[in-house]
Amino acid sequence: MPGDFRFRADYSRQHFPNSVTRTVIKRLFSVARLVLAWYLLFLALYAVADWFWSPLGDAVTLVGLVTIVFVVIRAYSHLGRVQLIDGKLSAAAALTNRQIRQIEVPFEADEAFDLLDAAIRELPGVDAIDSVRSHLQIRASTRYLDPYGIKLLGRYNPLSWVVSQHNRILASVVRGDGTSRLVLICEPAFAPWSNWLQVDDGINLQNAEAITRTIALQLSQRRRSEQTAATQTVTEKELAIARLSLLQAQVEPHFLYNTLASAQYLTRTDPASADAMLGHLIEYLRHSLPRTDRALSTLGVELERSRAYLEILKIRMGSRLNLQLDVPDELLPTPLPPMMLQTLVENAIKHGLEPRPGDGTIWIFGRRNDRQVAVTVADDGLGFSGAADGSGIGLKNVRERLRLVYGAAATLTLAANFPSGAAATISVPATFAQDAPHV
């Protein structure tokens, strides 16, 4: 272990100075480049002035020396600002006056353009924004906001000669397949050769970082909103599943009591009918037990449950209740949420036939149209002229469950039956995932 420690200590001593040396070299090179550019400029001016008049050349020399002093001051000021903004000077790209960023966003081009446009408009000092949506391009100019507040002498301030006073932002959106790439350029509003004579006090680096952070913040907020919405949707579905499981586990007490009482009476008067009623009750209870999985039921299973329910009522009500079924065998495997058909049948009995004296009929028929399967439960009872208007809690639950399972692909429609009664039709996709969660 001691040997290993010494090795790591020696390794750090060997490599840490190299990192510091590189940083110092970058600083010196950045300053030396500016000084050399200004020196060559004044050297050329001196040659011209001395050729015309020797004392004028001496004046140019004096001005050049003073200017180079200001250049060194502003160069080191620029380095300090960049280090303050970037946190380090390890990347040579942070020292340059021209900053470029490419940002991938998971949005279509139009939405990405709005995000980029809003981020640029929030930037302090931005004016004269030219936003062209048809070309997905944005051009804006930015005012120089002096971080030091040096405003003496105004435009004649010699320190301002070395600092870019006019900057601009060029941004565009590149379309992708479901995503977009944002290209952002923050630079001085001068030709590239101006980099040899001017610094920008880190203004363009600051602008690029501010726009990038704003976009990242917006993306993070949208991601949190989507996660919250997804969590809320899952919670709603879990609650709906819990409600349905409770509903399946319950058998209406009055229905069960009346059926058993009728069976007891029929055992003494009509044993064959009693046996048939108990057989239908067993079939109904078997289909009404809660399922251990969350798979959808099928139209065939739900039809057997409703048939058993109606057969029991038919024995109790006698000739007052008639049943007609017309569902093709090829439609029986159609996925259907459990208890949904049963709800429509119970609604037709409770609000259609029971309040009406005399005989009545329940029709259940299914049809396939294009990619939809329509299952209709109709009766010739009181219809919408009675106490029910089709807005009961049972039908509301059916609509909500259809929305949670199928979205906009399934509907529940109510219509008057001719010459009397009502008809409720459930339309669902002909093919749907059997392992989808039921609600």
Protein backbone atom coordinates (compact mmCIF):
# COMPACT_ATOMS: atom_id res chain seq x y z
CA MET A 1 0.00 0.00 0.00
CA PRO A 2 2.75 2.61 0.79
CA GLY A 3 4.32 1.92 -2.57
CA ASP A 4 0.98 2.35 -4.30
CA PHE A 5 0.42 5.65 -2.48
CA ARG A 6 3.82 7.00 -3.51
CA PHE A 7 3.13 5.99 -7.09
CA ARG A 8 -0.15 7.92 -7.11
CA ALA A 9 1.43 10.92 -5.42
CA ASP A 10 4.27 10.99 -7.95
CA TYR A 11 1.73 10.58 -10.77
CA SER A 12 -0.26 13.60 -9.52
CA ARG A 13 2.88 15.73 -9.17
CA GLN A 14 3.86 14.81 -12.72
CA HIS A 15 0.52 15.59 -14.32
CA PHE A 16 -0.91 18.46 -12.25
CA PRO A 17 1.80 20.93 -13.29
CA ASN A 18 1.16 19.99 -16.92
CA SER A 19 -2.50 21.04 -16.57
CA VAL A 20 -1.53 24.34 -14.94
CA THR A 21 1.15 24.92 -17.58
CA ARG A 22 -1.31 24.41 -20.40
CA THR A 23 -3.72 26.91 -18.82
CA VAL A 24 -0.96 29.51 -18.38
CA ILE A 25 0.21 29.00 -21.97
CA LYS A 26 -3.34 29.53 -23.24
CA ARG A 27 -3.61 32.77 -21.27
CA LEU A 28 -0.25 34.06 -22.49
CA PHE A 29 -0.96 33.11 -26.09
CA SER A 30 -4.33 34.89 -25.99
CA VAL A 31 -2.74 38.09 -24.64
CA ALA A 32 0.32 37.86 -26.90
CA ARG A 33 -1.85 37.50 -30.00
CA LEU A 34 -3.70 40.75 -29.24
CA VAL A 35 -0.50 42.63 -28.38
CA LEU A 36 1.20 41.41 -31.56
CA ALA A 37 -1.77 42.43 -33.72
CA TRP A 38 -1.89 45.94 -32.26
CA TYR A 39 1.91 46.24 -32.45
CA LEU A 40 1.90 45.37 -36.15
CA LEU A 41 -0.95 47.84 -36.72
CA PHE A 42 0.89 50.71 -35.07
CA LEU A 43 4.13 49.68 -36.73
CA ALA A 44 2.45 50.14 -40.09
CA LEU A 45 0.95 53.48 -38.98
CA TYR A 46 4.37 54.61 -37.73
CA ALA A 47 6.00 53.80 -41.05
CA VAL A 48 3.40 55.83 -42.94
CA ALA A 49 3.49 58.77 -40.48
CA ASP A 50 7.31 58.87 -40.36
CA TRP A 51 7.44 58.91 -44.13
CA PHE A 52 5.26 62.04 -44.18
CA TRP A 53 6.67 63.80 -41.13
CA SER A 54 9.14 62.51 -38.51
CA PRO A 55 7.51 64.17 -35.42
CA LEU A 56 4.20 62.60 -36.45
CA GLY A 57 5.83 59.18 -36.34
CA ASP A 58 7.00 59.85 -32.77
CA ALA A 59 3.42 60.77 -31.78
CA VAL A 60 2.11 57.54 -33.30
CA THR A 61 4.73 55.62 -31.32
CA LEU A 62 3.58 57.22 -28.07
CA VAL A 63 -0.09 56.51 -28.80
CA GLY A 64 0.79 52.94 -29.74
CA LEU A 65 2.58 52.30 -26.44
CA VAL A 66 -0.35 53.68 -24.45
CA THR A 67 -2.81 51.63 -26.52
CA ILE A 68 -0.86 48.41 -26.01
CA VAL A 69 -1.00 49.02 -22.25
CA PHE A 70 -4.80 49.26 -22.52
CA VAL A 71 -4.82 46.14 -24.71
CA VAL A 72 -3.00 44.14 -22.05
CA ILE A 73 -5.40 45.41 -19.37
CA ARG A 74 -8.51 44.51 -21.36
CA ALA A 75 -7.05 41.16 -22.41
CA TYR A 76 -6.53 40.10 -18.81
CA SER A 77 -9.95 41.50 -17.95
CA HIS A 78 -11.40 39.30 -20.70
CA LEU A 79 -9.62 36.24 -19.29
CA GLY A 80 -11.00 36.97 -15.82
CA ARG A 81 -14.54 37.33 -17.11
CA VAL A 82 -14.33 34.09 -19.11
CA GLN A 83 -13.00 32.21 -16.09
CA LEU A 84 -15.79 33.68 -13.97
CA ILE A 85 -18.46 32.54 -16.47
CA ASP A 86 -16.98 29.21 -17.53
CA GLY A 87 -15.46 28.28 -14.20
CA LYS A 88 -12.19 27.25 -15.85
CA LEU A 89 -9.96 27.98 -18.81
CA SER A 90 -9.21 24.40 -19.76
CA ALA A 91 -11.05 24.68 -23.10
CA ALA A 92 -9.61 26.96 -25.75
CA ALA A 93 -13.13 27.45 -27.18
CA ALA A 94 -14.12 29.42 -24.07
CA LEU A 95 -11.48 32.11 -24.85
CA THR A 96 -12.70 32.91 -28.35
CA ASN A 97 -15.12 35.72 -29.13
CA ARG A 98 -17.28 33.44 -31.30
CA GLN A 99 -19.33 30.77 -29.55
CA ILE A 100 -21.29 27.98 -31.26
CA ARG A 101 -23.68 25.49 -29.69
CA GLN A 102 -25.58 22.53 -31.18
CA ILE A 103 -28.46 21.25 -29.05
CA GLU A 104 -30.59 18.19 -29.77
CA VAL A 105 -34.22 18.52 -28.60
CA PRO A 106 -36.99 15.85 -28.77
CA PHE A 107 -39.46 18.15 -30.55
CA GLU A 108 -40.68 18.75 -34.06
CA ALA A 109 -39.12 21.72 -35.87
CA ASP A 110 -41.98 24.19 -35.25
CA GLU A 111 -42.09 23.50 -31.52
CA ALA A 112 -38.29 23.63 -31.29
CA PHE A 113 -38.33 26.99 -33.12
CA ASP A 114 -40.76 28.44 -30.56
CA LEU A 115 -38.56 27.19 -27.73
CA LEU A 116 -35.44 28.76 -29.26
CA ASP A 117 -37.19 32.05 -30.06
CA ALA A 118 -38.49 32.40 -26.50
CA ALA A 119 -35.05 31.67 -25.02
CA ILE A 120 -33.39 34.38 -27.18
CA ARG A 121 -36.06 36.98 -26.36
CA GLU A 122 -35.51 36.46 -22.63
CA LEU A 123 -31.81 37.36 -22.96
CA PRO A 124 -30.92 40.80 -21.46
CA GLY A 125 -29.74 43.39 -23.98
CA VAL A 126 -31.34 41.74 -27.03
CA ASP A 127 -32.97 44.03 -29.58
CA ALA A 128 -33.84 44.06 -33.29
CA ILE A 129 -34.93 40.43 -33.41
CA ASP A 130 -35.68 39.11 -36.91
CA SER A 131 -37.52 35.80 -36.55
CA VAL A 132 -38.42 33.97 -39.79
CA ARG A 133 -40.52 30.89 -39.04
CA SER A 134 -40.77 29.74 -42.66
CA HIS A 135 -36.98 29.35 -42.81
CA LEU A 136 -36.60 28.35 -39.12
CA GLN A 137 -33.99 31.08 -38.62
CA ILE A 138 -33.56 33.83 -36.03
CA ARG A 139 -31.22 36.81 -36.18
CA ALA A 140 -30.81 39.25 -33.29
CA SER A 141 -28.41 41.97 -32.21
CA THR A 142 -27.28 42.49 -28.62
CA ARG A 143 -26.13 45.62 -26.85
CA TYR A 144 -22.81 45.59 -25.02
CA LEU A 145 -23.63 45.67 -21.30
CA ASP A 146 -20.45 46.91 -19.65
CA PRO A 147 -19.89 44.60 -16.65
CA TYR A 148 -17.56 47.16 -15.05
CA GLY A 149 -19.62 50.33 -15.56
CA ILE A 150 -16.72 52.24 -17.20
CA LYS A 151 -18.50 55.00 -19.13
CA LEU A 152 -16.00 57.84 -18.87
CA LEU A 153 -15.25 59.61 -22.16
CA GLY A 154 -18.08 57.69 -23.87
CA ARG A 155 -17.10 56.64 -27.37
CA TYR A 156 -13.64 58.16 -26.87
CA ASN A 157 -12.87 55.82 -24.00
CA PRO A 158 -9.66 54.08 -25.19
CA LEU A 159 -10.65 50.90 -23.34
CA SER A 160 -13.70 50.54 -25.60
CA TRP A 161 -11.48 50.32 -28.70
CA VAL A 162 -10.32 46.86 -27.65
CA VAL A 163 -13.77 45.51 -26.70
CA SER A 164 -16.44 44.52 -29.21
CA GLN A 165 -19.34 46.93 -28.70
CA HIS A 166 -21.75 45.20 -31.09
CA ASN A 167 -22.63 41.50 -30.94
CA ARG A 168 -25.22 39.35 -32.65
CA ILE A 169 -26.99 36.01 -32.37
CA LEU A 170 -27.60 33.73 -35.33
CA ALA A 171 -29.82 30.72 -34.67
CA SER A 172 -31.51 28.08 -36.80
CA VAL A 173 -33.44 24.83 -36.44
CA VAL A 174 -32.51 21.71 -38.43
CA ARG A 175 -35.40 19.29 -38.96
CA GLY A 176 -35.04 15.67 -37.94
CA ASP A 177 -37.17 12.56 -37.63
CA GLY A 178 -39.27 13.46 -34.61
CA THR A 179 -36.38 15.51 -33.20
CA SER A 180 -34.65 18.78 -34.07
CA ARG A 181 -31.17 20.23 -33.78
CA LEU A 182 -30.71 23.82 -32.63
CA VAL A 183 -27.67 25.62 -34.04
CA LEU A 184 -26.73 28.72 -32.05
CA ILE A 185 -23.96 31.20 -32.89
CA CYS A 186 -23.09 34.15 -30.62
CA GLU A 187 -20.40 36.41 -32.09
CA PRO A 188 -19.25 40.01 -32.60
CA ALA A 189 -21.00 41.85 -35.42
CA PHE A 190 -17.72 42.25 -37.32
CA ALA A 191 -15.62 40.24 -39.72
CA PRO A 192 -13.56 37.36 -38.27
CA TRP A 193 -10.31 39.34 -38.56
CA SER A 194 -11.55 41.55 -35.70
CA ASN A 195 -10.71 38.69 -33.31
CA TRP A 196 -7.05 39.68 -33.68
CA LEU A 197 -7.73 43.19 -32.36
CA GLN A 198 -10.69 42.84 -29.99
CA VAL A 199 -12.05 40.82 -27.08
CA ASP A 200 -15.66 40.63 -25.95
CA ASP A 201 -15.30 40.41 -22.15
CA GLY A 202 -16.93 36.98 -22.34
CA ILE A 203 -20.26 38.52 -23.42
CA ASN A 204 -20.88 36.02 -26.23
CA LEU A 205 -19.90 33.10 -24.00
CA GLN A 206 -22.33 34.42 -21.40
CA ASN A 207 -25.11 34.76 -24.00
CA ALA A 208 -24.55 31.25 -25.37
CA GLU A 209 -24.52 29.72 -21.89
CA ALA A 210 -27.65 31.66 -20.85
CA ILE A 211 -29.64 30.53 -23.91
CA THR A 212 -28.48 26.93 -23.46
CA ARG A 213 -29.49 26.93 -19.78
CA THR A 214 -32.90 28.41 -20.61
CA ILE A 215 -33.56 25.68 -23.18
CA ALA A 216 -32.38 22.99 -20.77
CA LEU A 217 -34.67 24.39 -18.07
CA GLN A 218 -37.66 24.37 -20.43
CA LEU A 219 -36.91 20.78 -21.45
CA SER A 220 -36.64 19.76 -17.80
CA GLN A 221 -39.96 21.42 -16.94
CA ARG A 222 -41.72 19.73 -19.84
CA ARG A 223 -40.25 16.38 -18.87
CA ARG A 224 -41.49 16.82 -15.28
CA SER A 225 -44.94 17.81 -16.56
CA GLU A 226 -45.10 14.73 -18.78
CA GLN A 227 -43.98 12.50 -15.92
CA THR A 228 -46.60 14.05 -13.63
CA ALA A 229 -49.31 13.55 -16.25
CA ALA A 230 -48.23 9.95 -16.84
CA THR A 231 -48.22 9.23 -13.10
CA GLN A 232 -51.67 10.79 -12.75
CA THR A 233 -52.99 8.69 -15.64
CA VAL A 234 -51.59 5.50 -14.13
CA THR A 235 -53.13 6.40 -10.77
CA GLU A 236 -56.52 7.03 -12.37
CA LYS A 237 -56.37 3.68 -14.15
CA GLU A 238 -55.37 1.88 -10.95
CA LEU A 239 -58.30 3.47 -9.11
CA ALA A 240 -60.66 2.52 -11.92
CA ILE A 241 -59.31 -1.07 -11.84
CA ALA A 242 -59.85 -1.19 -8.08
CA ARG A 243 -63.41 0.07 -8.47
CA LEU A 244 -64.16 -2.49 -11.16
CA SER A 245 -62.66 -5.34 -9.12
CA LEU A 246 -64.92 -4.37 -6.24
CA LEU A 247 -67.88 -4.20 -8.62
CA GLN A 248 -67.11 -7.67 -10.00
CA ALA A 249 -66.75 -9.08 -6.50
CA GLN A 250 -70.23 -7.88 -5.57
CA VAL A 251 -73.51 -9.44 -6.63
CA GLU A 252 -76.57 -7.26 -6.19
CA PRO A 253 -78.13 -8.48 -2.91
CA HIS A 254 -81.72 -8.03 -4.04
CA PHE A 255 -81.10 -9.98 -7.25
CA LEU A 256 -79.42 -12.84 -5.36
CA TYR A 257 -82.10 -12.90 -2.65
CA ASN A 258 -84.99 -12.86 -5.12
CA THR A 259 -83.39 -15.57 -7.26
CA LEU A 260 -82.81 -17.91 -4.30
CA ALA A 261 -86.31 -17.25 -2.96
CA SER A 262 -87.79 -18.02 -6.37
CA ALA A 263 -85.71 -21.21 -6.64
CA GLN A 264 -86.88 -22.32 -3.20
CA TYR A 265 -90.49 -21.77 -4.20
CA LEU A 266 -90.06 -23.57 -7.53
CA THR A 267 -88.53 -26.63 -5.86
CA ARG A 268 -91.98 -27.32 -4.42
CA THR A 269 -94.07 -26.31 -7.41
CA ASP A 270 -91.86 -26.78 -10.48
CA PRO A 271 -88.62 -28.67 -9.74
CA ALA A 272 -87.50 -28.53 -13.37
CA SER A 273 -87.71 -24.73 -13.44
CA ALA A 274 -85.93 -24.53 -10.08
CA ASP A 275 -83.13 -26.69 -11.41
CA ALA A 276 -82.84 -24.50 -14.54
CA MET A 277 -82.81 -21.31 -12.43
CA LEU A 278 -80.06 -22.63 -10.16
CA GLY A 279 -78.06 -23.67 -13.21
CA HIS A 280 -78.33 -20.16 -14.67
CA LEU A 281 -77.39 -18.65 -11.29
CA ILE A 282 -74.28 -20.81 -11.10
CA GLU A 283 -73.33 -19.75 -14.63
CA TYR A 284 -73.89 -16.09 -13.78
CA LEU A 285 -71.84 -16.27 -10.58
CA ARG A 286 -69.04 -18.11 -12.37
CA HIS A 287 -68.68 -15.30 -14.90
CA SER A 288 -69.07 -12.63 -12.18
CA LEU A 289 -66.14 -13.73 -10.03
CA PRO A 290 -63.23 -11.24 -10.16
CA ARG A 291 -60.40 -12.29 -12.44
CA THR A 292 -56.89 -12.69 -11.07
CA ASP A 293 -55.31 -10.96 -14.07
CA ARG A 294 -56.06 -7.63 -15.73
CA ALA A 295 -56.81 -8.98 -19.16
CA LEU A 296 -59.85 -7.82 -21.07
CA SER A 297 -62.78 -10.14 -21.27
CA THR A 298 -64.38 -11.13 -24.59
CA LEU A 299 -67.77 -10.50 -26.13
CA GLY A 300 -68.50 -14.25 -25.88
CA VAL A 301 -67.84 -14.41 -22.13
CA GLU A 302 -69.83 -11.24 -21.47
CA LEU A 303 -72.68 -12.51 -23.61
CA GLU A 304 -72.85 -15.74 -21.56
CA ARG A 305 -72.99 -13.73 -18.33
CA SER A 306 -75.82 -11.52 -19.65
CA ARG A 307 -77.68 -14.53 -21.07
CA ALA A 308 -77.57 -16.28 -17.66
CA TYR A 309 -78.82 -13.12 -15.95
CA LEU A 310 -81.71 -12.73 -18.40
CA GLU A 311 -82.65 -16.43 -18.24
CA ILE A 312 -83.02 -16.13 -14.47
CA LEU A 313 -85.24 -13.08 -14.88
CA LYS A 314 -87.20 -14.85 -17.58
CA ILE A 315 -88.03 -17.72 -15.23
CA ARG A 316 -89.08 -15.24 -12.54
CA MET A 317 -91.03 -12.92 -14.88
CA GLY A 318 -92.49 -15.64 -17.09
CA SER A 319 -93.96 -14.53 -20.40
CA ARG A 320 -93.43 -10.86 -19.54
CA LEU A 321 -89.78 -11.06 -20.66
CA ASN A 322 -88.66 -12.13 -24.09
CA LEU A 323 -85.02 -12.41 -25.20
CA GLN A 324 -83.63 -12.25 -28.71
CA LEU A 325 -79.90 -12.73 -29.43
CA ASP A 326 -78.23 -12.12 -32.77
CA VAL A 327 -74.42 -12.10 -32.41
CA PRO A 328 -72.37 -13.87 -35.14
CA ASP A 329 -69.88 -16.44 -33.85
CA GLU A 330 -66.96 -14.66 -35.50
CA LEU A 331 -67.54 -11.66 -33.20
CA LEU A 332 -67.39 -13.65 -29.94
CA PRO A 333 -63.55 -13.34 -29.53
CA THR A 334 -63.77 -9.51 -29.71
CA PRO A 335 -62.02 -8.01 -26.63
CA LEU A 336 -64.46 -6.21 -24.32
CA PRO A 337 -64.10 -4.79 -20.81
CA PRO A 338 -65.86 -7.05 -18.26
CA MET A 339 -69.31 -6.15 -16.87
CA MET A 340 -69.86 -3.54 -19.59
CA LEU A 341 -72.50 -5.47 -21.54
CA GLN A 342 -74.08 -6.51 -18.22
CA THR A 343 -74.46 -2.85 -17.25
CA LEU A 344 -76.41 -2.10 -20.44
CA VAL A 345 -78.67 -5.13 -19.90
CA GLU A 346 -79.41 -4.21 -16.28
CA ASN A 347 -80.09 -0.62 -17.37
CA ALA A 348 -82.61 -1.82 -19.98
CA ILE A 349 -84.43 -3.99 -17.42
CA LYS A 350 -84.44 -1.42 -14.60
CA HIS A 351 -85.38 1.69 -16.58
CA GLY A 352 -87.12 0.17 -19.60
CA LEU A 353 -89.13 -2.98 -18.87
CA GLU A 354 -89.75 -3.15 -15.11
CA PRO A 355 -91.63 0.19 -14.89
CA ARG A 356 -93.81 -0.80 -17.86
CA PRO A 357 -96.82 -3.14 -17.46
CA GLY A 358 -97.21 -6.00 -19.86
CA ASP A 359 -94.74 -7.97 -21.93
CA GLY A 360 -91.33 -6.71 -23.01
CA THR A 361 -88.38 -7.77 -25.12
CA ILE A 362 -84.62 -7.40 -24.80
CA TRP A 363 -82.55 -7.56 -28.00
CA ILE A 364 -78.79 -8.12 -28.05
CA PHE A 365 -77.16 -8.10 -31.46
CA GLY A 366 -73.70 -7.45 -32.83
CA ARG A 367 -72.41 -6.25 -36.15
CA ARG A 368 -69.00 -5.52 -37.65
CA ASN A 369 -68.46 -2.40 -39.72
CA ASP A 370 -65.02 -1.79 -41.24
CA ARG A 371 -62.66 -2.03 -38.27
CA GLN A 372 -65.31 -1.57 -35.56
CA VAL A 373 -67.54 -4.05 -33.76
CA ALA A 374 -70.88 -2.64 -32.57
CA VAL A 375 -72.86 -4.40 -29.82
CA THR A 376 -76.39 -3.10 -29.20
CA VAL A 377 -78.72 -3.72 -26.26
CA ALA A 378 -82.26 -2.58 -27.07
CA ASP A 379 -85.64 -2.81 -25.35
CA ASP A 380 -89.25 -1.84 -26.05
CA GLY A 381 -89.86 -0.32 -22.64
CA LEU A 382 -90.53 3.25 -21.56
CA GLY A 383 -87.48 4.65 -23.33
CA PHE A 384 -86.37 8.23 -22.72
CA SER A 385 -89.92 9.28 -21.84
CA GLY A 386 -89.53 7.57 -18.49
CA ALA A 387 -87.55 8.62 -15.44
CA ALA A 388 -84.22 7.74 -17.02
CA ASP A 389 -82.75 10.06 -19.63
CA GLY A 390 -79.58 8.11 -20.42
CA SER A 391 -77.35 10.10 -18.07
CA GLY A 392 -77.28 7.66 -15.15
CA ILE A 393 -74.18 6.71 -13.21
CA GLY A 394 -73.98 3.32 -14.94
CA LEU A 395 -73.77 4.79 -18.43
CA LYS A 396 -71.30 7.46 -17.25
CA ASN A 397 -69.06 4.70 -15.93
CA VAL A 398 -69.28 2.86 -19.24
CA ARG A 399 -68.19 5.98 -21.14
CA GLU A 400 -65.30 6.61 -18.74
CA ARG A 401 -64.07 3.02 -18.95
CA LEU A 402 -64.22 3.08 -22.74
CA ARG A 403 -62.14 6.29 -22.74
CA LEU A 404 -59.50 4.86 -20.39
CA VAL A 405 -59.14 1.59 -22.33
CA TYR A 406 -59.58 2.66 -25.97
CA GLY A 407 -59.18 6.44 -25.96
CA ALA A 408 -61.12 7.96 -28.84
CA ALA A 409 -61.37 4.61 -30.68
CA ALA A 410 -64.52 3.47 -28.81
CA THR A 411 -67.93 5.10 -28.24
CA LEU A 412 -71.23 4.61 -26.46
CA THR A 413 -74.30 5.95 -28.27
CA LEU A 414 -77.91 6.09 -27.12
CA ALA A 415 -80.92 6.25 -29.41
CA ALA A 416 -84.67 5.83 -29.24
CA ASN A 417 -85.98 2.40 -30.30
CA PHE A 418 -88.94 2.26 -32.67
CA PRO A 419 -91.84 2.20 -31.83
CA SER A 420 -90.88 2.39 -28.13
CA GLY A 421 -87.92 1.85 -25.86
CA ALA A 422 -84.25 2.69 -26.11
CA ALA A 423 -81.09 1.26 -27.67
CA ALA A 424 -77.53 1.54 -26.35
CA THR A 425 -74.64 0.69 -28.68
CA ILE A 426 -71.01 0.10 -27.75
CA SER A 427 -68.53 0.41 -30.64
CA VAL A 428 -65.01 -0.93 -30.02
CA PRO A 429 -62.02 -1.77 -32.27
CA ALA A 430 -62.33 -5.19 -33.84
CA THR A 431 -58.76 -6.05 -32.76
CA PHE A 432 -57.28 -4.93 -29.46
CA ALA A 433 -54.53 -6.20 -27.15
CA GLN A 434 -55.89 -8.99 -24.97
CA ASP A 435 -53.37 -8.17 -22.25
CA ALA A 436 -54.40 -4.52 -22.02
CA PRO A 437 -55.49 -3.45 -18.51
CA HIS A 438 -59.24 -3.52 -18.08
CA VAL A 439 -61.16 -0.74 -16.37
